[in-house]
């Protein structure tokens, strides 16, 4: 899909299934809203979401 649009995706929901997108948004939101959130843990959680395919 990205190749068909010359590398352009206007929303992450176009690039991944909705459940995966919701998980991604949740992890990013948790990271920015929690001062104690570790970048390493957020990275692991994002990786885990992407590997669920």
PDB file of N, CA and C in Angstrom:
ATOM      1  N   UNK A   1       0.827  -1.189   0.000  1.00  0.00           N
ATOM      2  CA  UNK A   1       0.000   0.000   0.000  1.00  0.00           C
ATOM      3  C   UNK A   1       0.874   1.257   0.000  1.00  0.00           C
ATOM      4  N   UNK A   2       1.942   1.230   0.806  1.00  0.00           N
ATOM      5  CA  UNK A   2       2.809   2.404   0.870  1.00  0.00           C
ATOM      6  C   UNK A   2       3.458   2.646  -0.490  1.00  0.00           C
ATOM      7  N   UNK A   3       3.882   1.589  -1.164  1.00  0.00           N
ATOM      8  CA  UNK A   3       4.479   1.747  -2.495  1.00  0.00           C
ATOM      9  C   UNK A   3       3.473   2.331  -3.476  1.00  0.00           C
ATOM     10  N   UNK A   4       2.235   1.920  -3.381  1.00  0.00           N
ATOM     11  CA  UNK A   4       1.210   2.406  -4.303  1.00  0.00           C
ATOM     12  C   UNK A   4       0.966   3.897  -4.136  1.00  0.00           C
ATOM     13  N   UNK A   5       1.191   4.412  -2.949  1.00  0.00           N
ATOM     14  CA  UNK A   5       0.967   5.840  -2.683  1.00  0.00           C
ATOM     15  C   UNK A   5       2.280   6.611  -2.648  1.00  0.00           C
ATOM     16  N   UNK A   6       3.302   6.072  -3.281  1.00  0.00           N
ATOM     17  CA  UNK A   6       4.613   6.721  -3.352  1.00  0.00           C
ATOM     18  C   UNK A   6       5.190   6.998  -1.973  1.00  0.00           C
ATOM     19  N   UNK A   7       5.044   6.026  -1.069  1.00  0.00           N
ATOM     20  CA  UNK A   7       5.625   6.150   0.262  1.00  0.00           C
ATOM     21  C   UNK A   7       4.848   7.013   1.226  1.00  0.00           C
ATOM     22  N   UNK A   8       3.650   7.421   0.871  1.00  0.00           N
ATOM     23  CA  UNK A   8       2.875   8.308   1.735  1.00  0.00           C
ATOM     24  C   UNK A   8       1.752   7.547   2.438  1.00  0.00           C
ATOM     25  N   UNK A   9       1.669   7.742   3.729  1.00  0.00           N
ATOM     26  CA  UNK A   9       0.569   7.205   4.527  1.00  0.00           C
ATOM     27  C   UNK A   9       0.077   8.355   5.384  1.00  0.00           C
ATOM     28  N   UNK A  10      -1.181   8.720   5.242  1.00  0.00           N
ATOM     29  CA  UNK A  10      -1.688   9.886   5.958  1.00  0.00           C
ATOM     30  C   UNK A  10      -2.046   9.592   7.413  1.00  0.00           C
ATOM     31  N   UNK A  11      -2.203   8.323   7.767  1.00  0.00           N
ATOM     32  CA  UNK A  11      -2.525   7.960   9.147  1.00  0.00           C
ATOM     33  C   UNK A  11      -1.976   6.568   9.428  1.00  0.00           C
ATOM     34  N   UNK A  12      -1.540   6.353  10.673  1.00  0.00           N
ATOM     35  CA  UNK A  12      -0.992   5.044  11.007  1.00  0.00           C
ATOM     36  C   UNK A  12      -2.027   3.954  10.813  1.00  0.00           C
ATOM     37  N   UNK A  13      -3.303   4.306  10.912  1.00  0.00           N
ATOM     38  CA  UNK A  13      -4.360   3.304  10.747  1.00  0.00           C
ATOM     39  C   UNK A  13      -4.406   2.744   9.321  1.00  0.00           C
ATOM     40  N   UNK A  14      -3.811   3.453   8.372  1.00  0.00           N
ATOM     41  CA  UNK A  14      -3.737   2.922   7.018  1.00  0.00           C
ATOM     42  C   UNK A  14      -2.604   1.918   6.878  1.00  0.00           C
ATOM     43  N   UNK A  15      -1.638   1.981   7.771  1.00  0.00           N
ATOM     44  CA  UNK A  15      -0.460   1.137   7.654  1.00  0.00           C
ATOM     45  C   UNK A  15      -0.527  -0.120   8.520  1.00  0.00           C
ATOM     46  N   UNK A  16      -1.506  -0.205   9.427  1.00  0.00           N
ATOM     47  CA  UNK A  16      -1.594  -1.369  10.301  1.00  0.00           C
ATOM     48  C   UNK A  16      -3.050  -1.617  10.682  1.00  0.00           C
ATOM     49  N   UNK A  17      -3.360  -2.855  11.064  1.00  0.00           N
ATOM     50  CA  UNK A  17      -4.734  -3.172  11.487  1.00  0.00           C
ATOM     51  C   UNK A  17      -5.153  -2.316  12.686  1.00  0.00           C
ATOM     52  N   UNK A  18      -6.447  -2.095  12.849  1.00  0.00           N
ATOM     53  CA  UNK A  18      -6.942  -1.193  13.885  1.00  0.00           C
ATOM     54  C   UNK A  18      -6.536  -1.615  15.295  1.00  0.00           C
ATOM     55  N   UNK A  19      -6.556  -2.910  15.595  1.00  0.00           N
ATOM     56  CA  UNK A  19      -6.175  -3.365  16.930  1.00  0.00           C
ATOM     57  C   UNK A  19      -4.702  -3.037  17.197  1.00  0.00           C
ATOM     58  N   UNK A  20      -3.859  -3.224  16.199  1.00  0.00           N
ATOM     59  CA  UNK A  20      -2.444  -2.913  16.343  1.00  0.00           C
ATOM     60  C   UNK A  20      -2.253  -1.406  16.507  1.00  0.00           C
ATOM     61  N   UNK A  21      -2.989  -0.627  15.743  1.00  0.00           N
ATOM     62  CA  UNK A  21      -2.910   0.830  15.823  1.00  0.00           C
ATOM     63  C   UNK A  21      -3.321   1.318  17.213  1.00  0.00           C
ATOM     64  N   UNK A  22      -4.382   0.754  17.760  1.00  0.00           N
ATOM     65  CA  UNK A  22      -4.844   1.134  19.099  1.00  0.00           C
ATOM     66  C   UNK A  22      -3.793   0.802  20.150  1.00  0.00           C
ATOM     67  N   UNK A  23      -3.155  -0.361  20.020  1.00  0.00           N
ATOM     68  CA  UNK A  23      -2.094  -0.737  20.944  1.00  0.00           C
ATOM     69  C   UNK A  23      -0.915   0.216  20.856  1.00  0.00           C
ATOM     70  N   UNK A  24      -0.546   0.579  19.627  1.00  0.00           N
ATOM     71  CA  UNK A  24       0.568   1.504  19.393  1.00  0.00           C
ATOM     72  C   UNK A  24       0.281   2.863  20.056  1.00  0.00           C
ATOM     73  N   UNK A  25      -0.923   3.375  19.821  1.00  0.00           N
ATOM     74  CA  UNK A  25      -1.313   4.665  20.399  1.00  0.00           C
ATOM     75  C   UNK A  25      -1.297   4.587  21.932  1.00  0.00           C
ATOM     76  N   UNK A  26      -1.757   3.472  22.486  1.00  0.00           N
ATOM     77  CA  UNK A  26      -1.757   3.288  23.930  1.00  0.00           C
ATOM     78  C   UNK A  26      -0.353   3.323  24.521  1.00  0.00           C
ATOM     79  N   UNK A  27       0.580   2.629  23.880  1.00  0.00           N
ATOM     80  CA  UNK A  27       1.962   2.598  24.375  1.00  0.00           C
ATOM     81  C   UNK A  27       2.587   3.992  24.304  1.00  0.00           C
ATOM     82  N   UNK A  28       2.414   4.668  23.187  1.00  0.00           N
ATOM     83  CA  UNK A  28       2.983   6.007  23.028  1.00  0.00           C
ATOM     84  C   UNK A  28       2.352   6.969  24.043  1.00  0.00           C
ATOM     85  N   UNK A  29       1.046   6.886  24.226  1.00  0.00           N
ATOM     86  CA  UNK A  29       0.370   7.736  25.205  1.00  0.00           C
ATOM     87  C   UNK A  29       0.868   7.467  26.614  1.00  0.00           C
ATOM     88  N   UNK A  30       1.005   6.193  26.967  1.00  0.00           N
ATOM     89  CA  UNK A  30       1.525   5.834  28.293  1.00  0.00           C
ATOM     90  C   UNK A  30       2.924   6.400  28.488  1.00  0.00           C
ATOM     91  N   UNK A  31       3.754   6.291  27.465  1.00  0.00           N
ATOM     92  CA  UNK A  31       5.128   6.766  27.563  1.00  0.00           C
ATOM     93  C   UNK A  31       5.178   8.275  27.832  1.00  0.00           C
ATOM     94  N   UNK A  32       4.397   9.035  27.101  1.00  0.00           N
ATOM     95  CA  UNK A  32       4.444  10.487  27.264  1.00  0.00           C
ATOM     96  C   UNK A  32       3.701  10.996  28.501  1.00  0.00           C
ATOM     97  N   UNK A  33       2.786  10.202  29.041  1.00  0.00           N
ATOM     98  CA  UNK A  33       2.027  10.636  30.213  1.00  0.00           C
ATOM     99  C   UNK A  33       2.584  10.133  31.539  1.00  0.00           C
ATOM    100  N   UNK A  34       3.555   9.251  31.499  1.00  0.00           N
ATOM    101  CA  UNK A  34       4.128   8.675  32.720  1.00  0.00           C
ATOM    102  C   UNK A  34       5.609   9.057  32.806  1.00  0.00           C
ATOM    103  N   UNK A  35       5.927   9.929  33.747  1.00  0.00           N
ATOM    104  CA  UNK A  35       7.325  10.397  33.884  1.00  0.00           C
ATOM    105  C   UNK A  35       8.289   9.266  34.217  1.00  0.00           C
ATOM    106  N   UNK A  36       7.771   8.188  34.772  1.00  0.00           N
ATOM    107  CA  UNK A  36       8.627   7.056  35.151  1.00  0.00           C
ATOM    108  C   UNK A  36       8.753   6.010  34.051  1.00  0.00           C
ATOM    109  N   UNK A  37       8.073   6.211  32.939  1.00  0.00           N
ATOM    110  CA  UNK A  37       8.121   5.237  31.838  1.00  0.00           C
ATOM    111  C   UNK A  37       9.511   5.225  31.229  1.00  0.00           C
ATOM    112  N   UNK A  38      10.028   4.042  31.036  1.00  0.00           N
ATOM    113  CA  UNK A  38      11.366   3.916  30.462  1.00  0.00           C
ATOM    114  C   UNK A  38      11.275   3.781  28.943  1.00  0.00           C
ATOM    115  N   UNK A  39      12.158   4.458  28.223  1.00  0.00           N
ATOM    116  CA  UNK A  39      12.176   4.323  26.764  1.00  0.00           C
ATOM    117  C   UNK A  39      12.397   2.873  26.338  1.00  0.00           C
ATOM    118  N   UNK A  40      13.215   2.154  27.086  1.00  0.00           N
ATOM    119  CA  UNK A  40      13.510   0.750  26.760  1.00  0.00           C
ATOM    120  C   UNK A  40      12.242  -0.095  26.854  1.00  0.00           C
ATOM    121  N   UNK A  41      11.441   0.136  27.902  1.00  0.00           N
ATOM    122  CA  UNK A  41      10.202  -0.626  28.081  1.00  0.00           C
ATOM    123  C   UNK A  41       9.185  -0.263  26.989  1.00  0.00           C
ATOM    124  N   UNK A  42       9.072   1.017  26.655  1.00  0.00           N
ATOM    125  CA  UNK A  42       8.164   1.435  25.580  1.00  0.00           C
ATOM    126  C   UNK A  42       8.589   0.791  24.268  1.00  0.00           C
ATOM    127  N   UNK A  43       9.883   0.770  24.006  1.00  0.00           N
ATOM    128  CA  UNK A  43      10.401   0.150  22.779  1.00  0.00           C
ATOM    129  C   UNK A  43      10.042  -1.334  22.743  1.00  0.00           C
ATOM    130  N   UNK A  44      10.199  -2.020  23.866  1.00  0.00           N
ATOM    131  CA  UNK A  44       9.858  -3.447  23.925  1.00  0.00           C
ATOM    132  C   UNK A  44       8.371  -3.661  23.669  1.00  0.00           C
ATOM    133  N   UNK A  45       7.539  -2.823  24.280  1.00  0.00           N
ATOM    134  CA  UNK A  45       6.090  -2.960  24.095  1.00  0.00           C
ATOM    135  C   UNK A  45       5.696  -2.718  22.634  1.00  0.00           C
ATOM    136  N   UNK A  46       6.297  -1.702  22.000  1.00  0.00           N
ATOM    137  CA  UNK A  46       5.999  -1.437  20.587  1.00  0.00           C
ATOM    138  C   UNK A  46       6.440  -2.611  19.715  1.00  0.00           C
ATOM    139  N   UNK A  47       7.603  -3.155  20.007  1.00  0.00           N
ATOM    140  CA  UNK A  47       8.088  -4.322  19.264  1.00  0.00           C
ATOM    141  C   UNK A  47       7.110  -5.485  19.415  1.00  0.00           C
ATOM    142  N   UNK A  48       6.666  -5.736  20.645  1.00  0.00           N
ATOM    143  CA  UNK A  48       5.728  -6.827  20.890  1.00  0.00           C
ATOM    144  C   UNK A  48       4.434  -6.648  20.100  1.00  0.00           C
ATOM    145  N   UNK A  49       3.955  -5.414  20.015  1.00  0.00           N
ATOM    146  CA  UNK A  49       2.743  -5.144  19.237  1.00  0.00           C
ATOM    147  C   UNK A  49       2.971  -5.452  17.759  1.00  0.00           C
ATOM    148  N   UNK A  50       4.092  -5.003  17.228  1.00  0.00           N
ATOM    149  CA  UNK A  50       4.381  -5.239  15.815  1.00  0.00           C
ATOM    150  C   UNK A  50       4.579  -6.715  15.495  1.00  0.00           C
ATOM    151  N   UNK A  51       5.055  -7.491  16.431  1.00  0.00           N
ATOM    152  CA  UNK A  51       5.302  -8.915  16.186  1.00  0.00           C
ATOM    153  C   UNK A  51       4.040  -9.761  16.292  1.00  0.00           C
ATOM    154  N   UNK A  52       2.918  -9.168  16.671  1.00  0.00           N
ATOM    155  CA  UNK A  52       1.658  -9.904  16.800  1.00  0.00           C
ATOM    156  C   UNK A  52       1.035 -10.252  15.460  1.00  0.00           C
ATOM    157  N   UNK A  53       1.545  -9.712  14.390  1.00  0.00           N
ATOM    158  CA  UNK A  53       0.950  -9.955  13.068  1.00  0.00           C
ATOM    159  C   UNK A  53       0.744 -11.387  12.778  1.00  0.00           C
TER     160      UNK A  53
END
